[in-house]
Amino acid sequence: MVFKLVESAQGRWRADTGASLVALVRSGAKFENGFLVERDETVAA
């Protein structure tokens, strides 16, 4: 019975993990190897 409960909940867990990152991706944030890469604010002269 526990196996069936975990199996049915697994689909929802995957869906929830990336939902908060959608706004970052749409705004043009860069990711490398699954980690957010901060932009360097210095301006080249």
PDB file of N, CA and C in Angstrom:
ATOM      1  N   MET A   1       0.824  -1.188   0.000  1.00  0.00           N
ATOM      2  CA  MET A   1       0.000   0.000   0.000  1.00  0.00           C
ATOM      3  C   MET A   1       0.875   1.262   0.000  1.00  0.00           C
ATOM      4  N   VAL A   2       1.939   1.275   0.764  1.00  0.00           N
ATOM      5  CA  VAL A   2       2.841   2.434   0.806  1.00  0.00           C
ATOM      6  C   VAL A   2       3.480   2.642  -0.559  1.00  0.00           C
ATOM      7  N   PHE A   3       3.849   1.563  -1.217  1.00  0.00           N
ATOM      8  CA  PHE A   3       4.444   1.658  -2.542  1.00  0.00           C
ATOM      9  C   PHE A   3       3.506   2.365  -3.506  1.00  0.00           C
ATOM     10  N   LYS A   4       2.246   2.036  -3.491  1.00  0.00           N
ATOM     11  CA  LYS A   4       1.265   2.656  -4.381  1.00  0.00           C
ATOM     12  C   LYS A   4       1.099   4.142  -4.069  1.00  0.00           C
ATOM     13  N   LEU A   5       1.116   4.508  -2.790  1.00  0.00           N
ATOM     14  CA  LEU A   5       0.998   5.921  -2.412  1.00  0.00           C
ATOM     15  C   LEU A   5       2.199   6.722  -2.906  1.00  0.00           C
ATOM     16  N   VAL A   6       3.393   6.179  -2.725  1.00  0.00           N
ATOM     17  CA  VAL A   6       4.608   6.868  -3.177  1.00  0.00           C
ATOM     18  C   VAL A   6       4.633   6.944  -4.696  1.00  0.00           C
ATOM     19  N   GLU A   7       4.226   5.891  -5.349  1.00  0.00           N
ATOM     20  CA  GLU A   7       4.211   5.865  -6.801  1.00  0.00           C
ATOM     21  C   GLU A   7       3.260   6.923  -7.367  1.00  0.00           C
ATOM     22  N   SER A   8       2.108   7.095  -6.760  1.00  0.00           N
ATOM     23  CA  SER A   8       1.148   8.086  -7.249  1.00  0.00           C
ATOM     24  C   SER A   8       1.602   9.514  -6.931  1.00  0.00           C
ATOM     25  N   ALA A   9       2.313   9.715  -5.850  1.00  0.00           N
ATOM     26  CA  ALA A   9       2.787  11.049  -5.470  1.00  0.00           C
ATOM     27  C   ALA A   9       4.025  11.463  -6.256  1.00  0.00           C
ATOM     28  N   GLN A  10       4.725  10.517  -6.830  1.00  0.00           N
ATOM     29  CA  GLN A  10       5.974  10.815  -7.533  1.00  0.00           C
ATOM     30  C   GLN A  10       5.761  11.786  -8.689  1.00  0.00           C
ATOM     31  N   GLY A  11       4.682  11.679  -9.411  1.00  0.00           N
ATOM     32  CA  GLY A  11       4.400  12.584 -10.520  1.00  0.00           C
ATOM     33  C   GLY A  11       4.248  14.022 -10.059  1.00  0.00           C
ATOM     34  N   ARG A  12       3.613  14.225  -8.937  1.00  0.00           N
ATOM     35  CA  ARG A  12       3.434  15.585  -8.421  1.00  0.00           C
ATOM     36  C   ARG A  12       4.743  16.170  -7.913  1.00  0.00           C
ATOM     37  N   TRP A  13       5.610  15.343  -7.332  1.00  0.00           N
ATOM     38  CA  TRP A  13       6.885  15.844  -6.826  1.00  0.00           C
ATOM     39  C   TRP A  13       7.713  16.405  -7.963  1.00  0.00           C
ATOM     40  N   ARG A  14       7.791  15.717  -9.073  1.00  0.00           N
ATOM     41  CA  ARG A  14       8.573  16.190 -10.214  1.00  0.00           C
ATOM     42  C   ARG A  14       8.014  17.498 -10.762  1.00  0.00           C
ATOM     43  N   ALA A  15       6.722  17.611 -10.840  1.00  0.00           N
ATOM     44  CA  ALA A  15       6.098  18.806 -11.390  1.00  0.00           C
ATOM     45  C   ALA A  15       6.371  20.032 -10.511  1.00  0.00           C
ATOM     46  N   ASP A  16       6.442  19.848  -9.207  1.00  0.00           N
ATOM     47  CA  ASP A  16       6.612  20.977  -8.297  1.00  0.00           C
ATOM     48  C   ASP A  16       8.048  21.487  -8.224  1.00  0.00           C
ATOM     49  N   THR A  17       9.042  20.670  -8.528  1.00  0.00           N
ATOM     50  CA  THR A  17      10.415  21.079  -8.300  1.00  0.00           C
ATOM     51  C   THR A  17      10.875  22.174  -9.251  1.00  0.00           C
ATOM     52  N   GLY A  18      10.408  22.191 -10.484  1.00  0.00           N
ATOM     53  CA  GLY A  18      10.893  23.163 -11.451  1.00  0.00           C
ATOM     54  C   GLY A  18       9.978  24.355 -11.655  1.00  0.00           C
ATOM     55  N   ALA A  19       8.831  24.362 -11.023  1.00  0.00           N
ATOM     56  CA  ALA A  19       7.857  25.430 -11.257  1.00  0.00           C
ATOM     57  C   ALA A  19       8.389  26.797 -10.848  1.00  0.00           C
ATOM     58  N   SER A  20       9.203  26.869  -9.824  1.00  0.00           N
ATOM     59  CA  SER A  20       9.712  28.158  -9.365  1.00  0.00           C
ATOM     60  C   SER A  20      10.809  28.703 -10.275  1.00  0.00           C
ATOM     61  N   LEU A  21      11.373  27.867 -11.134  1.00  0.00           N
ATOM     62  CA  LEU A  21      12.460  28.301 -12.014  1.00  0.00           C
ATOM     63  C   LEU A  21      11.971  28.832 -13.356  1.00  0.00           C
ATOM     64  N   VAL A  22      10.694  28.660 -13.653  1.00  0.00           N
ATOM     65  CA  VAL A  22      10.155  29.078 -14.946  1.00  0.00           C
ATOM     66  C   VAL A  22      10.327  30.580 -15.145  1.00  0.00           C
ATOM     67  N   ALA A  23      10.064  31.377 -14.125  1.00  0.00           N
ATOM     68  CA  ALA A  23      10.198  32.828 -14.240  1.00  0.00           C
ATOM     69  C   ALA A  23      11.647  33.226 -14.519  1.00  0.00           C
ATOM     70  N   LEU A  24      12.593  32.540 -13.903  1.00  0.00           N
ATOM     71  CA  LEU A  24      14.008  32.839 -14.146  1.00  0.00           C
ATOM     72  C   LEU A  24      14.399  32.529 -15.588  1.00  0.00           C
ATOM     73  N   VAL A  25      13.957  31.400 -16.078  1.00  0.00           N
ATOM     74  CA  VAL A  25      14.288  31.010 -17.451  1.00  0.00           C
ATOM     75  C   VAL A  25      13.669  31.988 -18.445  1.00  0.00           C
ATOM     76  N   ARG A  26      12.439  32.383 -18.215  1.00  0.00           N
ATOM     77  CA  ARG A  26      11.772  33.318 -19.125  1.00  0.00           C
ATOM     78  C   ARG A  26      12.414  34.700 -19.099  1.00  0.00           C
ATOM     79  N   SER A  27      13.031  35.074 -17.979  1.00  0.00           N
ATOM     80  CA  SER A  27      13.660  36.385 -17.897  1.00  0.00           C
ATOM     81  C   SER A  27      15.079  36.377 -18.449  1.00  0.00           C
ATOM     82  N   GLY A  28      15.568  35.208 -18.861  1.00  0.00           N
ATOM     83  CA  GLY A  28      16.873  35.131 -19.492  1.00  0.00           C
ATOM     84  C   GLY A  28      18.007  34.727 -18.571  1.00  0.00           C
ATOM     85  N   ALA A  29      17.707  34.165 -17.421  1.00  0.00           N
ATOM     86  CA  ALA A  29      18.751  33.722 -16.498  1.00  0.00           C
ATOM     87  C   ALA A  29      19.532  32.574 -17.120  1.00  0.00           C
ATOM     88  N   LYS A  30      20.818  32.504 -16.808  1.00  0.00           N
ATOM     89  CA  LYS A  30      21.663  31.443 -17.346  1.00  0.00           C
ATOM     90  C   LYS A  30      21.924  30.393 -16.278  1.00  0.00           C
ATOM     91  N   PHE A  31      21.883  29.131 -16.708  1.00  0.00           N
ATOM     92  CA  PHE A  31      22.150  28.000 -15.838  1.00  0.00           C
ATOM     93  C   PHE A  31      23.286  27.184 -16.431  1.00  0.00           C
ATOM     94  N   GLU A  32      24.200  26.725 -15.585  1.00  0.00           N
ATOM     95  CA  GLU A  32      25.265  25.827 -16.002  1.00  0.00           C
ATOM     96  C   GLU A  32      25.273  24.634 -15.064  1.00  0.00           C
ATOM     97  N   ASN A  33      25.169  23.452 -15.633  1.00  0.00           N
ATOM     98  CA  ASN A  33      25.137  22.204 -14.858  1.00  0.00           C
ATOM     99  C   ASN A  33      24.049  22.217 -13.791  1.00  0.00           C
ATOM    100  N   GLY A  34      22.931  22.853 -14.087  1.00  0.00           N
ATOM    101  CA  GLY A  34      21.804  22.873 -13.168  1.00  0.00           C
ATOM    102  C   GLY A  34      21.862  23.942 -12.097  1.00  0.00           C
ATOM    103  N   PHE A  35      22.883  24.806 -12.126  1.00  0.00           N
ATOM    104  CA  PHE A  35      23.006  25.865 -11.123  1.00  0.00           C
ATOM    105  C   PHE A  35      22.878  27.224 -11.784  1.00  0.00           C
ATOM    106  N   LEU A  36      22.237  28.150 -11.103  1.00  0.00           N
ATOM    107  CA  LEU A  36      22.064  29.502 -11.603  1.00  0.00           C
ATOM    108  C   LEU A  36      23.400  30.215 -11.622  1.00  0.00           C
ATOM    109  N   VAL A  37      23.729  30.843 -12.751  1.00  0.00           N
ATOM    110  CA  VAL A  37      24.973  31.581 -12.888  1.00  0.00           C
ATOM    111  C   VAL A  37      24.653  33.060 -12.723  1.00  0.00           C
ATOM    112  N   GLU A  38      25.285  33.667 -11.735  1.00  0.00           N
ATOM    113  CA  GLU A  38      25.062  35.090 -11.484  1.00  0.00           C
ATOM    114  C   GLU A  38      25.755  35.911 -12.559  1.00  0.00           C
ATOM    115  N   ARG A  39      25.108  36.988 -12.968  1.00  0.00           N
ATOM    116  CA  ARG A  39      25.710  37.863 -13.970  1.00  0.00           C
ATOM    117  C   ARG A  39      26.761  38.747 -13.329  1.00  0.00           C
ATOM    118  N   ASP A  40      27.843  38.972 -14.063  1.00  0.00           N
ATOM    119  CA  ASP A  40      28.894  39.866 -13.602  1.00  0.00           C
ATOM    120  C   ASP A  40      28.484  41.295 -13.961  1.00  0.00           C
ATOM    121  N   GLU A  41      28.408  42.173 -12.983  1.00  0.00           N
ATOM    122  CA  GLU A  41      27.926  43.532 -13.198  1.00  0.00           C
ATOM    123  C   GLU A  41      29.003  44.508 -13.646  1.00  0.00           C
ATOM    124  N   THR A  42      30.249  44.066 -13.776  1.00  0.00           N
ATOM    125  CA  THR A  42      31.304  44.972 -14.201  1.00  0.00           C
ATOM    126  C   THR A  42      31.203  45.229 -15.688  1.00  0.00           C
ATOM    127  N   VAL A  43      31.587  46.434 -16.077  1.00  0.00           N
ATOM    128  CA  VAL A  43      31.515  46.831 -17.483  1.00  0.00           C
ATOM    129  C   VAL A  43      32.925  46.869 -18.036  1.00  0.00           C
ATOM    130  N   ALA A  44      33.114  46.220 -19.180  1.00  0.00           N
ATOM    131  CA  ALA A  44      34.439  46.219 -19.807  1.00  0.00           C
ATOM    132  C   ALA A  44      34.706  47.603 -20.383  1.00  0.00           C
ATOM    133  N   ALA A  45      35.932  48.095 -20.184  1.00  0.00           N
ATOM    134  CA  ALA A  45      36.275  49.446 -20.662  1.00  0.00           C
ATOM    135  C   ALA A  45      36.950  49.400 -22.005  1.00  0.00           C
TER     136      ALA A  45
END
